[in-house]
Amino acid sequence: MNRHARIYVAGNTTMIGFAIVRALHDRGYANLAGLGDHEPDVTNPDEVDAFFARHRPQYVFVAAGKSGGIQANRERGAELMLHNLKVATTMIPSAHHYGVTKLLYLASSCVYPRDCAQPMKEQDLMTAPLEATNGPYALAKLAGIQLCQAYRQQYGAKFIVAIPANVFGPGDSFDPDNSHVVASLMRRMDDAKRTRGDHIDVWGTGTPVRELMPVADLARACLHVMELYDDDEPINLGNGHGLSVAELAETIRAIVQFRGEIRFDASWPDGMPHKILDSSKLRALGWEPGVQLDHALEELYGWYCHHLVPLQVEPDAA
């Protein structure tokens, strides 16, 4: 990408989108459109069309789309599916219509079959049933993948798809009803420590294994594949670092310094038993992880304490 190229990061106020913007700035890309309040409603075709007509972005990163943990997927599956379908069917056609040079669509590792062989390879997509707890969301992301591939096939559009591992980092959602596993565990332990609670309850058995990727590494990987990858098949973005939920809980316990009991509630579903990506295609392009997991978790806890804890304790202090 030319340093003066017009670039649009759709969803640039999300954790992933903001990290991509920061990575672009760090590399000297300054011609970014639609930042912050200037971004259109990514589910509104008229707003997106007007935005593309005005700014004519040459490169587009689609990091937009609502997501959530197990509880959000169980309770708001229709909302999550519709929102992500609208993002795909709004952003991708507009990008083609206005001649975008290249587009990167970010999917999710939950698009792989529930009982997929590990590590999960790109050719394993749609070879078996999805995990039921996030089926609607995963189907919407699969539709986005297929739509990018269809535009490549029919029009020769340089639209590529990346499938990231479980991502965490500054800007993550710590909403107790909407957060993913890292943020959820961190908040519950911090809340219990501050209120002198003697335990926390963790949903599921603690046995599922998740690949965890710091958002700064994911952002670097997104820029890497935007510059170097161009193929019909999606490309996995992961670091191969997997932990069971129980192991992750113990790691976060040490960082938060929570001394209470961790109780696993098997009445809640576990989700997919394993989610480790085969990222050999990404490694073959010369990409390597740059952030250690422990350091990234410590950074996230520091960010959480600085940005969110004062907001949560302020009403009690009053």
Protein backbone atom coordinates (compact mmCIF):
# COMPACT_ATOMS: atom_id res chain seq x y z
CA MET A 1 0.00 0.00 0.00
CA ASN A 2 1.24 3.46 -0.87
CA ARG A 3 1.71 5.62 2.24
CA HIS A 4 -0.66 8.20 0.74
CA ALA A 5 -3.38 5.70 -0.18
CA ARG A 6 -6.89 6.45 1.08
CA ILE A 7 -7.77 3.83 3.69
CA TYR A 8 -11.01 3.11 5.53
CA VAL A 9 -11.18 0.90 8.61
CA ALA A 10 -14.85 -0.01 9.03
CA GLY A 11 -15.58 -0.39 12.73
CA ASN A 12 -12.63 1.78 13.75
CA THR A 13 -14.03 2.44 17.23
CA THR A 14 -14.08 -1.28 18.05
CA MET A 15 -11.16 -2.94 19.80
CA ILE A 16 -9.86 -4.51 16.59
CA GLY A 17 -10.63 -1.56 14.34
CA PHE A 18 -8.92 0.92 16.66
CA ALA A 19 -5.84 -1.33 16.85
CA ILE A 20 -5.67 -1.47 13.04
CA VAL A 21 -5.89 2.34 12.87
CA ARG A 22 -3.08 2.61 15.42
CA ALA A 23 -0.93 0.14 13.46
CA LEU A 24 -1.52 2.11 10.27
CA HIS A 25 -0.53 5.36 11.95
CA ASP A 26 2.59 3.70 13.37
CA ARG A 27 3.62 2.73 9.84
CA GLY A 28 3.09 6.20 8.44
CA TYR A 29 -0.34 5.83 6.83
CA ALA A 30 -2.07 9.15 7.46
CA ASN A 31 -4.81 9.32 4.82
CA LEU A 32 -7.50 7.53 6.84
CA ALA A 33 -11.17 8.28 6.25
CA GLY A 34 -14.17 7.88 8.52
CA LEU A 35 -12.45 7.95 11.89
CA GLY A 36 -14.52 8.18 15.06
CA ASP A 37 -17.75 10.16 14.69
CA HIS A 38 -17.17 10.56 10.95
CA GLU A 39 -17.82 6.88 10.26
CA PRO A 40 -21.13 6.04 8.58
CA ASP A 41 -23.61 3.56 10.00
CA VAL A 42 -22.05 0.41 8.53
CA THR A 43 -25.45 -1.29 8.32
CA ASN A 44 -27.11 1.57 6.41
CA PRO A 45 -26.67 1.20 2.62
CA ASP A 46 -27.45 4.85 1.90
CA GLU A 47 -24.93 6.17 4.43
CA VAL A 48 -22.22 3.75 3.32
CA ASP A 49 -22.84 4.50 -0.35
CA ALA A 50 -22.59 8.25 0.27
CA PHE A 51 -19.41 7.73 2.29
CA PHE A 52 -17.72 5.71 -0.45
CA ALA A 53 -18.84 8.20 -3.11
CA ARG A 54 -17.31 11.08 -1.15
CA HIS A 55 -14.07 9.55 0.14
CA ARG A 56 -13.31 6.90 -2.53
CA PRO A 57 -11.18 4.69 -0.25
CA GLN A 58 -8.64 2.53 -2.04
CA TYR A 59 -8.14 -0.02 0.77
CA VAL A 60 -10.83 -1.17 3.19
CA PHE A 61 -10.52 -3.21 6.38
CA VAL A 62 -13.92 -4.55 7.51
CA ALA A 63 -13.58 -4.91 11.29
CA ALA A 64 -17.19 -3.96 11.97
CA GLY A 65 -19.95 -6.20 13.31
CA LYS A 66 -21.41 -6.89 16.73
CA SER A 67 -20.18 -9.92 18.65
CA GLY A 68 -20.42 -11.36 22.14
CA GLY A 69 -19.71 -14.29 24.41
CA ILE A 70 -21.84 -17.35 25.08
CA GLN A 71 -24.56 -15.44 26.92
CA ALA A 72 -24.94 -12.82 24.19
CA ASN A 73 -25.09 -15.51 21.52
CA ARG A 74 -27.74 -17.44 23.44
CA GLU A 75 -29.91 -14.42 24.17
CA ARG A 76 -29.37 -12.20 21.12
CA GLY A 77 -28.58 -14.60 18.29
CA ALA A 78 -31.02 -12.97 15.86
CA GLU A 79 -29.63 -9.50 16.56
CA LEU A 80 -26.03 -10.60 16.09
CA MET A 81 -26.82 -12.48 12.89
CA LEU A 82 -28.82 -9.66 11.31
CA HIS A 83 -26.25 -7.00 12.21
CA ASN A 84 -23.36 -8.96 10.70
CA LEU A 85 -25.36 -9.86 7.61
CA LYS A 86 -26.14 -6.17 7.10
CA VAL A 87 -22.47 -5.23 7.49
CA ALA A 88 -21.42 -7.72 4.83
CA THR A 89 -24.23 -6.95 2.37
CA THR A 90 -23.69 -3.20 2.77
CA MET A 91 -19.90 -2.85 2.85
CA ILE A 92 -18.87 -5.39 0.21
CA PRO A 93 -21.18 -4.24 -2.65
CA SER A 94 -20.31 -0.57 -2.03
CA ALA A 95 -16.60 -1.37 -2.06
CA HIS A 96 -16.99 -3.06 -5.43
CA HIS A 97 -19.23 -0.33 -6.87
CA TYR A 98 -16.73 2.41 -6.04
CA GLY A 99 -13.68 0.53 -7.26
CA VAL A 100 -11.88 -0.27 -4.01
CA THR A 101 -8.42 -1.61 -4.85
CA LYS A 102 -8.44 -4.23 -2.09
CA LEU A 103 -10.71 -5.20 0.81
CA LEU A 104 -9.98 -7.34 3.86
CA TYR A 105 -13.01 -8.89 5.55
CA LEU A 106 -12.48 -10.18 9.09
CA ALA A 107 -14.49 -13.27 9.97
CA SER A 108 -14.24 -15.28 13.22
CA SER A 109 -12.81 -18.62 14.31
CA CYS A 110 -16.32 -19.77 15.24
CA VAL A 111 -17.00 -20.27 11.52
CA TYR A 112 -15.21 -23.62 11.79
CA PRO A 113 -17.15 -26.82 12.57
CA ARG A 114 -17.74 -27.58 16.23
CA ASP A 115 -15.69 -30.77 16.21
CA CYS A 116 -13.10 -29.61 13.71
CA ALA A 117 -9.73 -31.36 13.63
CA GLN A 118 -7.01 -29.35 15.38
CA PRO A 119 -5.37 -27.12 14.40
CA MET A 120 -8.15 -25.86 12.13
CA LYS A 121 -7.21 -25.47 8.48
CA GLU A 122 -8.86 -23.11 6.02
CA GLN A 123 -10.08 -26.02 3.89
CA ASP A 124 -12.05 -27.35 6.90
CA LEU A 125 -14.67 -24.62 6.54
CA MET A 126 -18.24 -25.90 6.07
CA THR A 127 -17.25 -29.56 6.28
CA ALA A 128 -19.41 -30.31 9.37
CA PRO A 129 -22.02 -28.65 11.65
CA LEU A 130 -21.23 -25.46 13.58
CA GLU A 131 -21.23 -25.06 17.36
CA ALA A 132 -24.88 -24.45 18.26
CA THR A 133 -24.28 -21.71 20.84
CA ASN A 134 -22.95 -19.29 18.21
CA GLY A 135 -24.51 -20.73 15.06
CA PRO A 136 -26.43 -17.62 13.91
CA TYR A 137 -23.40 -15.34 14.30
CA ALA A 138 -21.12 -17.86 12.60
CA LEU A 139 -23.52 -18.26 9.68
CA ALA A 140 -23.54 -14.49 9.14
CA LYS A 141 -19.74 -14.47 9.05
CA LEU A 142 -19.75 -17.42 6.62
CA ALA A 143 -22.10 -15.43 4.40
CA GLY A 144 -19.57 -12.58 4.41
CA ILE A 145 -16.82 -15.01 3.42
CA GLN A 146 -18.90 -16.42 0.57
CA LEU A 147 -19.87 -12.95 -0.62
CA CYS A 148 -16.21 -11.90 -0.87
CA GLN A 149 -15.44 -15.07 -2.79
CA ALA A 150 -18.41 -14.50 -5.10
CA TYR A 151 -17.23 -10.98 -5.92
CA ARG A 152 -13.76 -12.33 -6.68
CA GLN A 153 -15.19 -15.00 -8.96
CA GLN A 154 -17.75 -12.85 -10.79
CA TYR A 155 -15.95 -9.50 -10.97
CA GLY A 156 -12.29 -10.22 -10.23
CA ALA A 157 -12.47 -8.04 -7.11
CA LYS A 158 -9.44 -8.23 -4.82
CA PHE A 159 -11.51 -9.05 -1.73
CA ILE A 160 -9.76 -11.29 0.79
CA VAL A 161 -10.91 -12.91 4.04
CA ALA A 162 -9.00 -13.40 7.29
CA ILE A 163 -10.10 -15.58 10.21
CA PRO A 164 -8.63 -14.36 13.52
CA ALA A 165 -8.13 -16.33 16.71
CA ASN A 166 -9.75 -15.19 19.99
CA VAL A 167 -8.60 -11.60 20.37
CA PHE A 168 -8.20 -9.50 23.52
CA GLY A 169 -6.67 -6.18 24.45
CA PRO A 170 -7.29 -2.53 25.35
CA GLY A 171 -10.74 -1.43 24.24
CA ASP A 172 -12.26 -4.86 24.88
CA SER A 173 -15.82 -5.06 26.20
CA PHE A 174 -16.03 -5.81 29.92
CA ASP A 175 -19.83 -5.80 29.93
CA PRO A 176 -20.80 -8.81 32.11
CA ASP A 177 -23.51 -9.78 29.62
CA ASN A 178 -21.49 -9.26 26.44
CA SER A 179 -17.80 -9.93 27.08
CA HIS A 180 -15.59 -12.73 25.80
CA VAL A 181 -13.65 -15.10 28.01
CA VAL A 182 -10.56 -12.99 28.85
CA ALA A 183 -12.45 -9.81 29.73
CA SER A 184 -15.17 -11.75 31.54
CA LEU A 185 -12.72 -13.58 33.80
CA MET A 186 -10.71 -10.43 34.46
CA ARG A 187 -13.72 -8.38 35.47
CA ARG A 188 -15.25 -11.08 37.68
CA MET A 189 -12.00 -11.60 39.55
CA ASP A 190 -11.39 -7.88 39.97
CA ASP A 191 -14.96 -7.30 41.19
CA ALA A 192 -14.62 -10.17 43.69
CA LYS A 193 -11.26 -8.89 44.93
CA ARG A 194 -12.60 -5.37 45.47
CA THR A 195 -15.72 -6.61 47.29
CA ARG A 196 -13.75 -9.25 49.24
CA GLY A 197 -15.69 -12.07 47.62
CA ASP A 198 -14.50 -15.57 48.39
CA HIS A 199 -15.17 -17.08 44.94
CA ILE A 200 -16.18 -16.48 41.35
CA ASP A 201 -18.34 -18.66 39.14
CA VAL A 202 -17.00 -19.52 35.69
CA TRP A 203 -19.38 -20.78 33.03
CA GLY A 204 -18.70 -24.28 31.72
CA THR A 205 -16.28 -27.00 32.77
CA GLY A 206 -13.04 -25.09 32.21
CA THR A 207 -11.78 -27.69 29.72
CA PRO A 208 -12.30 -25.88 26.36
CA VAL A 209 -9.06 -24.73 24.76
CA ARG A 210 -8.83 -21.31 23.16
CA GLU A 211 -6.11 -19.68 21.09
CA LEU A 212 -5.54 -16.19 22.47
CA MET A 213 -4.11 -13.39 20.35
CA PRO A 214 -3.24 -9.88 21.60
CA VAL A 215 -5.05 -7.29 19.49
CA ALA A 216 -1.80 -5.50 18.64
CA ASP A 217 -0.52 -8.69 17.00
CA LEU A 218 -3.78 -9.15 15.12
CA ALA A 219 -3.57 -5.60 13.77
CA ARG A 220 -0.04 -6.23 12.50
CA ALA A 221 -1.23 -9.46 10.89
CA CYS A 222 -4.09 -7.63 9.15
CA LEU A 223 -1.69 -5.13 7.59
CA HIS A 224 0.64 -7.97 6.62
CA VAL A 225 -2.01 -9.90 4.70
CA MET A 226 -3.46 -6.74 3.14
CA GLU A 227 -0.03 -6.08 1.66
CA LEU A 228 1.03 -9.64 0.77
CA TYR A 229 -1.97 -11.99 0.46
CA ASP A 230 -4.37 -12.31 -2.48
CA ASP A 231 -6.24 -15.60 -2.78
CA ASP A 232 -9.80 -16.94 -2.89
CA GLU A 233 -9.29 -19.06 0.23
CA PRO A 234 -9.46 -17.33 3.63
CA ILE A 235 -6.29 -17.07 5.69
CA ASN A 236 -6.05 -17.85 9.41
CA LEU A 237 -4.55 -15.22 11.72
CA GLY A 238 -3.27 -16.86 14.89
CA ASN A 239 -0.21 -17.43 17.01
CA GLY A 240 -0.72 -21.09 17.99
CA HIS A 241 -0.83 -20.22 21.72
CA GLY A 242 -3.69 -22.23 23.23
CA LEU A 243 -4.86 -22.42 26.84
CA SER A 244 -7.74 -24.21 28.51
CA VAL A 245 -10.23 -21.89 30.18
CA ALA A 246 -9.08 -23.27 33.54
CA GLU A 247 -5.43 -22.47 32.72
CA LEU A 248 -6.42 -19.01 31.54
CA ALA A 249 -8.35 -18.43 34.75
CA GLU A 250 -5.28 -19.28 36.84
CA THR A 251 -3.11 -16.99 34.72
CA ILE A 252 -5.53 -14.09 35.17
CA ARG A 253 -5.90 -14.88 38.88
CA ALA A 254 -2.16 -14.27 39.35
CA ILE A 255 -2.31 -10.96 37.45
CA VAL A 256 -5.39 -9.68 39.32
CA GLN A 257 -4.14 -11.14 42.62
CA PHE A 258 -7.49 -12.71 43.36
CA ARG A 259 -7.22 -15.21 46.21
CA GLY A 260 -10.72 -16.66 46.22
CA GLU A 261 -12.01 -19.92 44.79
CA ILE A 262 -12.70 -20.46 41.10
CA ARG A 263 -15.85 -22.54 40.67
CA PHE A 264 -16.78 -23.99 37.30
CA ASP A 265 -20.51 -24.16 36.55
CA ALA A 266 -21.08 -27.11 34.22
CA SER A 267 -24.75 -26.14 33.79
CA TRP A 268 -23.53 -23.59 31.24
CA PRO A 269 -22.39 -24.79 27.80
CA ASP A 270 -18.69 -24.88 26.99
CA GLY A 271 -18.98 -23.87 23.36
CA MET A 272 -16.50 -25.42 20.93
CA PRO A 273 -14.20 -27.90 22.75
CA HIS A 274 -11.06 -26.67 20.92
CA LYS A 275 -10.28 -23.66 18.77
CA ILE A 276 -6.68 -23.56 17.58
CA LEU A 277 -5.95 -22.20 14.11
CA ASP A 278 -3.44 -23.57 11.65
CA SER A 279 -1.71 -20.30 10.69
CA SER A 280 1.01 -21.85 8.55
CA LYS A 281 -0.06 -19.76 5.53
CA LEU A 282 0.39 -16.58 7.57
CA ARG A 283 3.81 -17.75 8.82
CA ALA A 284 4.81 -18.56 5.24
CA LEU A 285 4.25 -14.89 4.41
CA GLY A 286 6.91 -13.99 6.97
CA TRP A 287 4.70 -12.94 9.88
CA GLU A 288 5.67 -13.80 13.47
CA PRO A 289 3.98 -13.00 16.81
CA GLY A 290 5.47 -10.00 18.55
CA VAL A 291 3.65 -9.80 21.90
CA GLN A 292 3.98 -12.26 24.79
CA LEU A 293 0.67 -13.50 26.22
CA ASP A 294 1.46 -12.72 29.88
CA HIS A 295 2.61 -9.20 29.03
CA ALA A 296 -0.52 -8.57 26.96
CA LEU A 297 -2.79 -9.78 29.78
CA GLU A 298 -0.97 -7.55 32.27
CA GLU A 299 -1.32 -4.60 29.92
CA LEU A 300 -5.04 -5.28 29.55
CA TYR A 301 -5.56 -5.42 33.32
CA GLY A 302 -3.72 -2.13 33.74
CA TRP A 303 -5.90 -0.59 31.02
CA TYR A 304 -9.04 -1.95 32.68
CA CYS A 305 -8.12 -0.57 36.09
CA HIS A 306 -7.25 2.84 34.65
CA HIS A 307 -10.17 3.29 32.26
CA LEU A 308 -13.10 1.31 33.59
CA VAL A 309 -12.81 0.59 37.31
CA PRO A 310 -13.13 4.28 38.39
CA LEU A 311 -16.34 4.51 36.35
CA GLN A 312 -17.74 1.42 38.06
CA VAL A 313 -16.90 2.40 41.64
CA GLU A 314 -17.88 6.07 41.35
CA PRO A 315 -21.61 5.56 42.23
CA ASP A 316 -20.66 3.63 45.42
CA ALA A 317 -18.17 6.31 46.41
CA ALA A 318 -20.89 8.94 46.13
